Amino acid sequence: MMTERGQVTVMALGLTLISLVIAGLAVDGTKAFLLRRTLQNAADSAGLAGAGEIDRGAYYGSGGKALELSSEAVMRTARRYLALRQIDARVSLEVAEEDVSVVLRGSSDTLFLALVGISEVPVAVEGNAAAIAGELPP
């Protein structure tokens, strides 16, 4: 005849395992979300910094109508911005006419999820900015 002795122990172990998985998702998920937010802010800001690097000679020569980005200056400024803020991510920059695109790829190390074989969570973001000609509001 089978007894029910030890059933509570099995259930307690199961609930403990489920609790650890939920805690792992909460802790590691929050860490990945915060990294994503940091990278997004950095990508947006680096794009804006780069979009300010217009070819001033062409701009002033056209009376403020022609906006041409200096690709070298855009990339130099965006990379310098990211380096000064110590952003640890792979950087991809693209300059097209008046637009700047900054893609950052990084990864968030895990604490709890590493116990089940997931050692890092990849994070990728894209920030875009454009140089716009016009008059300042009064």
N, C-alpha and C. Protein backbone atom coordinates (compact mmCIF):
# COMPACT_ATOMS: atom_id res chain seq x y z
N MET A 1 0.84 -1.17 0.00
CA MET A 1 0.00 0.00 0.00
C MET A 1 0.89 1.24 0.00
N MET A 2 0.58 2.23 -0.85
CA MET A 2 1.37 3.45 -0.96
C MET A 2 0.88 4.47 0.05
N THR A 3 1.83 5.23 0.58
CA THR A 3 1.48 6.29 1.53
C THR A 3 1.73 7.64 0.87
N GLU A 4 1.22 8.66 1.49
CA GLU A 4 1.39 10.01 0.96
C GLU A 4 2.52 10.76 1.66
N ARG A 5 3.32 10.05 2.41
CA ARG A 5 4.43 10.69 3.10
C ARG A 5 5.44 11.22 2.08
N GLY A 6 5.90 12.45 2.29
CA GLY A 6 6.90 13.05 1.40
C GLY A 6 6.30 13.86 0.26
N GLN A 7 4.99 13.85 0.11
CA GLN A 7 4.35 14.61 -0.96
C GLN A 7 4.57 16.11 -0.80
N VAL A 8 4.53 16.59 0.43
CA VAL A 8 4.72 18.01 0.68
C VAL A 8 6.14 18.43 0.30
N THR A 9 7.10 17.56 0.55
CA THR A 9 8.49 17.87 0.21
C THR A 9 8.64 18.03 -1.31
N VAL A 10 8.05 17.15 -2.07
CA VAL A 10 8.13 17.23 -3.53
C VAL A 10 7.46 18.52 -4.02
N MET A 11 6.29 18.83 -3.45
CA MET A 11 5.59 20.05 -3.85
C MET A 11 6.40 21.29 -3.46
N ALA A 12 7.02 21.28 -2.29
CA ALA A 12 7.82 22.43 -1.84
C ALA A 12 9.02 22.63 -2.77
N LEU A 13 9.66 21.54 -3.18
CA LEU A 13 10.78 21.66 -4.11
C LEU A 13 10.33 22.21 -5.45
N GLY A 14 9.19 21.76 -5.93
CA GLY A 14 8.65 22.27 -7.19
C GLY A 14 8.33 23.75 -7.11
N LEU A 15 7.70 24.18 -6.03
CA LEU A 15 7.38 25.60 -5.85
C LEU A 15 8.63 26.45 -5.72
N THR A 16 9.65 25.90 -5.06
CA THR A 16 10.92 26.62 -4.93
C THR A 16 11.56 26.82 -6.30
N LEU A 17 11.52 25.78 -7.12
CA LEU A 17 12.08 25.87 -8.47
C LEU A 17 11.33 26.91 -9.30
N ILE A 18 10.02 26.90 -9.22
CA ILE A 18 9.21 27.88 -9.95
C ILE A 18 9.51 29.29 -9.45
N SER A 19 9.68 29.46 -8.16
CA SER A 19 9.99 30.78 -7.59
C SER A 19 11.35 31.28 -8.08
N LEU A 20 12.32 30.38 -8.17
CA LEU A 20 13.64 30.77 -8.67
C LEU A 20 13.58 31.18 -10.14
N VAL A 21 12.78 30.49 -10.93
CA VAL A 21 12.64 30.85 -12.34
C VAL A 21 12.00 32.23 -12.47
N ILE A 22 10.96 32.49 -11.70
CA ILE A 22 10.30 33.80 -11.74
C ILE A 22 11.26 34.90 -11.27
N ALA A 23 12.01 34.64 -10.20
CA ALA A 23 12.98 35.62 -9.72
C ALA A 23 14.06 35.86 -10.77
N GLY A 24 14.49 34.79 -11.43
CA GLY A 24 15.50 34.93 -12.48
C GLY A 24 15.02 35.78 -13.63
N LEU A 25 13.79 35.54 -14.05
CA LEU A 25 13.23 36.35 -15.13
C LEU A 25 13.10 37.80 -14.70
N ALA A 26 12.70 38.03 -13.47
CA ALA A 26 12.54 39.40 -12.98
C ALA A 26 13.89 40.12 -12.90
N VAL A 27 14.87 39.49 -12.28
CA VAL A 27 16.18 40.12 -12.09
C VAL A 27 16.91 40.27 -13.43
N ASP A 28 17.04 39.18 -14.17
CA ASP A 28 17.78 39.23 -15.42
C ASP A 28 17.03 40.02 -16.49
N GLY A 29 15.71 39.93 -16.49
CA GLY A 29 14.91 40.72 -17.44
C GLY A 29 15.03 42.21 -17.17
N THR A 30 15.00 42.58 -15.90
CA THR A 30 15.15 44.00 -15.54
C THR A 30 16.54 44.51 -15.92
N LYS A 31 17.55 43.69 -15.69
CA LYS A 31 18.91 44.08 -16.05
C LYS A 31 19.04 44.29 -17.56
N ALA A 32 18.44 43.41 -18.35
CA ALA A 32 18.48 43.55 -19.81
C ALA A 32 17.69 44.78 -20.26
N PHE A 33 16.54 45.03 -19.62
CA PHE A 33 15.73 46.20 -19.96
C PHE A 33 16.50 47.49 -19.67
N LEU A 34 17.18 47.54 -18.54
CA LEU A 34 17.94 48.75 -18.18
C LEU A 34 19.10 48.97 -19.16
N LEU A 35 19.75 47.89 -19.59
CA LEU A 35 20.82 48.02 -20.58
C LEU A 35 20.23 48.53 -21.90
N ARG A 36 19.08 47.99 -22.28
CA ARG A 36 18.44 48.44 -23.52
C ARG A 36 18.12 49.93 -23.45
N ARG A 37 17.60 50.37 -22.34
CA ARG A 37 17.26 51.79 -22.17
C ARG A 37 18.52 52.65 -22.24
N THR A 38 19.59 52.21 -21.60
CA THR A 38 20.86 52.95 -21.63
C THR A 38 21.40 53.03 -23.05
N LEU A 39 21.38 51.90 -23.76
CA LEU A 39 21.89 51.89 -25.13
C LEU A 39 21.01 52.75 -26.05
N GLN A 40 19.69 52.72 -25.84
CA GLN A 40 18.80 53.53 -26.68
C GLN A 40 19.07 55.01 -26.48
N ASN A 41 19.22 55.42 -25.22
CA ASN A 41 19.54 56.82 -24.94
C ASN A 41 20.87 57.22 -25.58
N ALA A 42 21.86 56.34 -25.49
CA ALA A 42 23.17 56.63 -26.06
C ALA A 42 23.10 56.70 -27.59
N ALA A 43 22.36 55.78 -28.21
CA ALA A 43 22.24 55.78 -29.68
C ALA A 43 21.54 57.05 -30.16
N ASP A 44 20.47 57.43 -29.48
CA ASP A 44 19.75 58.65 -29.86
C ASP A 44 20.65 59.88 -29.71
N SER A 45 21.35 59.96 -28.59
CA SER A 45 22.20 61.12 -28.33
C SER A 45 23.39 61.18 -29.28
N ALA A 46 23.99 60.03 -29.57
CA ALA A 46 25.12 60.01 -30.50
C ALA A 46 24.65 60.41 -31.90
N GLY A 47 23.46 59.98 -32.28
CA GLY A 47 22.90 60.38 -33.57
C GLY A 47 22.67 61.87 -33.65
N LEU A 48 22.12 62.44 -32.58
CA LEU A 48 21.89 63.89 -32.54
C LEU A 48 23.20 64.66 -32.58
N ALA A 49 24.20 64.16 -31.84
CA ALA A 49 25.50 64.83 -31.85
C ALA A 49 26.10 64.79 -33.25
N GLY A 50 25.98 63.63 -33.91
CA GLY A 50 26.51 63.51 -35.26
C GLY A 50 25.76 64.35 -36.28
N ALA A 51 24.44 64.46 -36.11
CA ALA A 51 23.62 65.23 -37.06
C ALA A 51 23.95 66.71 -37.02
N GLY A 52 24.61 67.15 -35.98
CA GLY A 52 25.02 68.55 -35.89
C GLY A 52 26.28 68.86 -36.66
N GLU A 53 26.91 67.83 -37.21
CA GLU A 53 28.18 68.01 -37.93
C GLU A 53 27.92 68.26 -39.42
N ILE A 54 27.28 69.38 -39.71
CA ILE A 54 27.00 69.71 -41.10
C ILE A 54 28.24 70.34 -41.74
N ASP A 55 28.26 70.30 -43.05
CA ASP A 55 29.32 70.97 -43.80
C ASP A 55 29.01 72.46 -43.75
N ARG A 56 29.70 73.18 -42.88
CA ARG A 56 29.39 74.59 -42.64
C ARG A 56 29.64 75.46 -43.86
N GLY A 57 30.65 75.12 -44.64
CA GLY A 57 30.94 75.89 -45.85
C GLY A 57 29.78 75.84 -46.82
N ALA A 58 29.25 74.64 -47.04
CA ALA A 58 28.11 74.48 -47.96
C ALA A 58 26.86 75.14 -47.39
N TYR A 59 26.70 75.04 -46.08
CA TYR A 59 25.51 75.62 -45.44
C TYR A 59 25.50 77.14 -45.55
N TYR A 60 26.62 77.76 -45.15
CA TYR A 60 26.68 79.23 -45.20
C TYR A 60 26.75 79.74 -46.64
N GLY A 61 27.39 78.98 -47.51
CA GLY A 61 27.48 79.37 -48.91
C GLY A 61 26.13 79.38 -49.61
N SER A 62 25.20 78.56 -49.13
CA SER A 62 23.87 78.49 -49.75
C SER A 62 22.86 79.37 -49.03
N GLY A 63 23.33 80.15 -48.10
CA GLY A 63 22.41 81.00 -47.35
C GLY A 63 21.55 80.22 -46.37
N GLY A 64 22.05 79.08 -45.92
CA GLY A 64 21.32 78.27 -44.94
C GLY A 64 20.32 77.31 -45.54
N LYS A 65 20.42 77.07 -46.85
CA LYS A 65 19.46 76.18 -47.49
C LYS A 65 20.00 74.76 -47.70
N ALA A 66 21.29 74.63 -47.94
CA ALA A 66 21.88 73.32 -48.23
C ALA A 66 22.43 72.69 -46.96
N LEU A 67 21.93 71.52 -46.67
CA LEU A 67 22.44 70.76 -45.53
C LEU A 67 23.15 69.53 -46.04
N GLU A 68 24.42 69.47 -45.81
CA GLU A 68 25.20 68.29 -46.16
C GLU A 68 25.96 67.88 -44.92
N LEU A 69 25.85 66.61 -44.59
CA LEU A 69 26.60 66.11 -43.44
C LEU A 69 27.99 65.70 -43.88
N SER A 70 28.95 66.02 -43.07
CA SER A 70 30.32 65.57 -43.30
C SER A 70 30.45 64.19 -42.66
N SER A 71 30.47 63.14 -43.49
CA SER A 71 30.47 61.76 -42.98
C SER A 71 31.57 61.51 -41.97
N GLU A 72 32.76 61.98 -42.27
CA GLU A 72 33.89 61.76 -41.36
C GLU A 72 33.65 62.45 -40.02
N ALA A 73 33.16 63.68 -40.06
CA ALA A 73 32.91 64.42 -38.82
C ALA A 73 31.77 63.79 -38.03
N VAL A 74 30.74 63.32 -38.74
CA VAL A 74 29.61 62.67 -38.06
C VAL A 74 30.10 61.44 -37.30
N MET A 75 30.85 60.60 -37.97
CA MET A 75 31.33 59.36 -37.35
C MET A 75 32.28 59.65 -36.20
N ARG A 76 33.16 60.61 -36.40
CA ARG A 76 34.11 60.97 -35.34
C ARG A 76 33.36 61.49 -34.11
N THR A 77 32.39 62.38 -34.32
CA THR A 77 31.64 62.96 -33.20
C THR A 77 30.80 61.91 -32.49
N ALA A 78 30.11 61.07 -33.24
CA ALA A 78 29.26 60.04 -32.62
C ALA A 78 30.11 59.05 -31.82
N ARG A 79 31.22 58.61 -32.40
CA ARG A 79 32.09 57.66 -31.68
C ARG A 79 32.72 58.31 -30.44
N ARG A 80 33.09 59.58 -30.56
CA ARG A 80 33.66 60.27 -29.40
C ARG A 80 32.61 60.39 -28.29
N TYR A 81 31.37 60.70 -28.67
CA TYR A 81 30.29 60.79 -27.70
C TYR A 81 30.13 59.46 -26.95
N LEU A 82 30.10 58.36 -27.69
CA LEU A 82 29.93 57.04 -27.06
C LEU A 82 31.13 56.67 -26.21
N ALA A 83 32.33 57.02 -26.66
CA ALA A 83 33.54 56.71 -25.89
C ALA A 83 33.58 57.48 -24.58
N LEU A 84 33.20 58.76 -24.62
CA LEU A 84 33.21 59.57 -23.40
C LEU A 84 32.22 59.05 -22.37
N ARG A 85 31.15 58.44 -22.83
CA ARG A 85 30.14 57.90 -21.91
C ARG A 85 30.40 56.44 -21.58
N GLN A 86 31.51 55.91 -22.06
CA GLN A 86 31.95 54.55 -21.79
C GLN A 86 30.86 53.52 -22.11
N ILE A 87 30.27 53.66 -23.29
CA ILE A 87 29.25 52.72 -23.74
C ILE A 87 29.95 51.47 -24.27
N ASP A 88 29.67 50.34 -23.64
CA ASP A 88 30.30 49.07 -24.01
C ASP A 88 29.36 48.32 -24.95
N ALA A 89 29.48 48.60 -26.25
CA ALA A 89 28.63 47.96 -27.25
C ALA A 89 29.31 48.04 -28.60
N ARG A 90 28.91 47.16 -29.49
CA ARG A 90 29.39 47.23 -30.87
C ARG A 90 28.62 48.35 -31.56
N VAL A 91 29.34 49.19 -32.28
CA VAL A 91 28.75 50.39 -32.88
C VAL A 91 28.73 50.26 -34.40
N SER A 92 27.60 50.60 -34.98
CA SER A 92 27.47 50.67 -36.43
C SER A 92 26.85 52.02 -36.77
N LEU A 93 27.56 52.81 -37.58
CA LEU A 93 27.09 54.14 -37.96
C LEU A 93 26.83 54.19 -39.46
N GLU A 94 25.77 54.89 -39.82
CA GLU A 94 25.46 55.06 -41.23
C GLU A 94 25.03 56.51 -41.46
N VAL A 95 25.62 57.13 -42.47
CA VAL A 95 25.28 58.51 -42.80
C VAL A 95 24.75 58.53 -44.23
N ALA A 96 23.56 59.09 -44.39
CA ALA A 96 22.94 59.19 -45.71
C ALA A 96 22.31 60.57 -45.84
N GLU A 97 22.84 61.38 -46.74
CA GLU A 97 22.37 62.74 -46.97
C GLU A 97 22.29 63.52 -45.66
N GLU A 98 21.08 63.71 -45.13
CA GLU A 98 20.91 64.50 -43.90
C GLU A 98 20.61 63.62 -42.68
N ASP A 99 20.64 62.30 -42.87
CA ASP A 99 20.25 61.37 -41.81
C ASP A 99 21.44 60.63 -41.23
N VAL A 100 21.36 60.40 -39.93
CA VAL A 100 22.38 59.63 -39.22
C VAL A 100 21.68 58.48 -38.52
N SER A 101 22.21 57.28 -38.68
CA SER A 101 21.67 56.10 -38.02
C SER A 101 22.77 55.48 -37.17
N VAL A 102 22.46 55.24 -35.90
CA VAL A 102 23.42 54.64 -34.97
C VAL A 102 22.80 53.34 -34.44
N VAL A 103 23.49 52.22 -34.66
CA VAL A 103 23.03 50.93 -34.15
C VAL A 103 24.03 50.47 -33.10
N LEU A 104 23.53 50.14 -31.92
CA LEU A 104 24.36 49.63 -30.84
C LEU A 104 23.92 48.22 -30.50
N ARG A 105 24.89 47.32 -30.35
CA ARG A 105 24.60 45.94 -29.97
C ARG A 105 25.44 45.59 -28.75
N GLY A 106 24.78 45.12 -27.73
CA GLY A 106 25.47 44.71 -26.51
C GLY A 106 24.81 43.47 -25.95
N SER A 107 25.24 43.07 -24.79
CA SER A 107 24.62 41.92 -24.13
C SER A 107 24.66 42.12 -22.63
N SER A 108 23.64 41.60 -22.00
CA SER A 108 23.50 41.69 -20.55
C SER A 108 23.81 40.32 -19.95
N ASP A 109 24.79 40.27 -19.08
CA ASP A 109 25.11 39.01 -18.40
C ASP A 109 23.97 38.65 -17.46
N THR A 110 23.73 37.35 -17.32
CA THR A 110 22.64 36.90 -16.46
C THR A 110 23.17 36.33 -15.16
N LEU A 111 22.32 36.34 -14.17
CA LEU A 111 22.67 35.79 -12.86
C LEU A 111 21.90 34.50 -12.64
N PHE A 112 20.59 34.59 -12.61
CA PHE A 112 19.76 33.41 -12.37
C PHE A 112 19.63 32.53 -13.61
N LEU A 113 19.45 33.15 -14.77
CA LEU A 113 19.26 32.36 -15.98
C LEU A 113 20.52 31.60 -16.38
N ALA A 114 21.67 32.00 -15.86
CA ALA A 114 22.90 31.27 -16.12
C ALA A 114 22.82 29.86 -15.54
N LEU A 115 21.99 29.69 -14.53
CA LEU A 115 21.82 28.37 -13.91
C LEU A 115 21.17 27.38 -14.86
N VAL A 116 20.42 27.87 -15.85
CA VAL A 116 19.78 26.99 -16.82
C VAL A 116 20.44 27.10 -18.20
N GLY A 117 21.64 27.67 -18.25
CA GLY A 117 22.41 27.70 -19.48
C GLY A 117 22.31 28.96 -20.32
N ILE A 118 21.57 29.96 -19.87
CA ILE A 118 21.47 31.22 -20.61
C ILE A 118 22.40 32.22 -19.92
N SER A 119 23.59 32.40 -20.50
CA SER A 119 24.60 33.23 -19.82
C SER A 119 24.49 34.71 -20.15
N GLU A 120 23.83 35.05 -21.26
CA GLU A 120 23.67 36.46 -21.59
C GLU A 120 22.43 36.67 -22.46
N VAL A 121 21.93 37.89 -22.40
CA VAL A 121 20.76 38.28 -23.19
C VAL A 121 21.22 39.35 -24.18
N PRO A 122 21.10 39.10 -25.50
CA PRO A 122 21.52 40.10 -26.48
C PRO A 122 20.55 41.28 -26.51
N VAL A 123 21.12 42.48 -26.69
CA VAL A 123 20.33 43.70 -26.76
C VAL A 123 20.82 44.52 -27.95
N ALA A 124 19.90 44.95 -28.80
CA ALA A 124 20.25 45.78 -29.96
C ALA A 124 19.26 46.93 -30.07
N VAL A 125 19.77 48.12 -30.36
CA VAL A 125 18.92 49.30 -30.50
C VAL A 125 19.39 50.12 -31.69
N GLU A 126 18.50 50.96 -32.19
CA GLU A 126 18.84 51.86 -33.29
C GLU A 126 18.33 53.25 -32.98
N GLY A 127 19.19 54.23 -33.17
CA GLY A 127 18.80 55.62 -32.99
C GLY A 127 19.01 56.37 -34.30
N ASN A 128 18.05 57.20 -34.65
CA ASN A 128 18.12 57.96 -35.89
C ASN A 128 17.99 59.45 -35.59
N ALA A 129 18.68 60.25 -36.37
CA ALA A 129 18.59 61.70 -36.23
C ALA A 129 18.78 62.31 -37.61
N ALA A 130 18.28 63.52 -37.76
CA ALA A 130 18.40 64.20 -39.04
C ALA A 130 18.74 65.66 -38.82
N ALA A 131 19.55 66.19 -39.72
CA ALA A 131 19.85 67.62 -39.71
C ALA A 131 18.73 68.31 -40.47
N ILE A 132 18.14 69.32 -39.86
CA ILE A 132 17.01 70.03 -40.47
C ILE A 132 17.33 71.51 -40.55
N ALA A 133 17.18 72.06 -41.74
CA ALA A 133 17.42 73.49 -41.93
C ALA A 133 16.15 74.25 -41.58
N GLY A 134 16.32 75.44 -41.13
CA GLY A 134 15.16 76.27 -40.84
C GLY A 134 15.54 77.38 -39.89
N GLU A 135 14.58 78.22 -39.64
CA GLU A 135 14.79 79.34 -38.74
C GLU A 135 14.40 78.95 -37.33
N LEU A 136 15.09 79.55 -36.39
CA LEU A 136 14.74 79.33 -34.99
C LEU A 136 13.47 80.11 -34.67
N PRO A 137 12.63 79.56 -33.82
CA PRO A 137 11.43 80.31 -33.43
C PRO A 137 11.82 81.55 -32.63
N PRO A 138 10.98 82.61 -32.69
CA PRO A 138 11.32 83.85 -31.97
C PRO A 138 11.33 83.65 -30.47
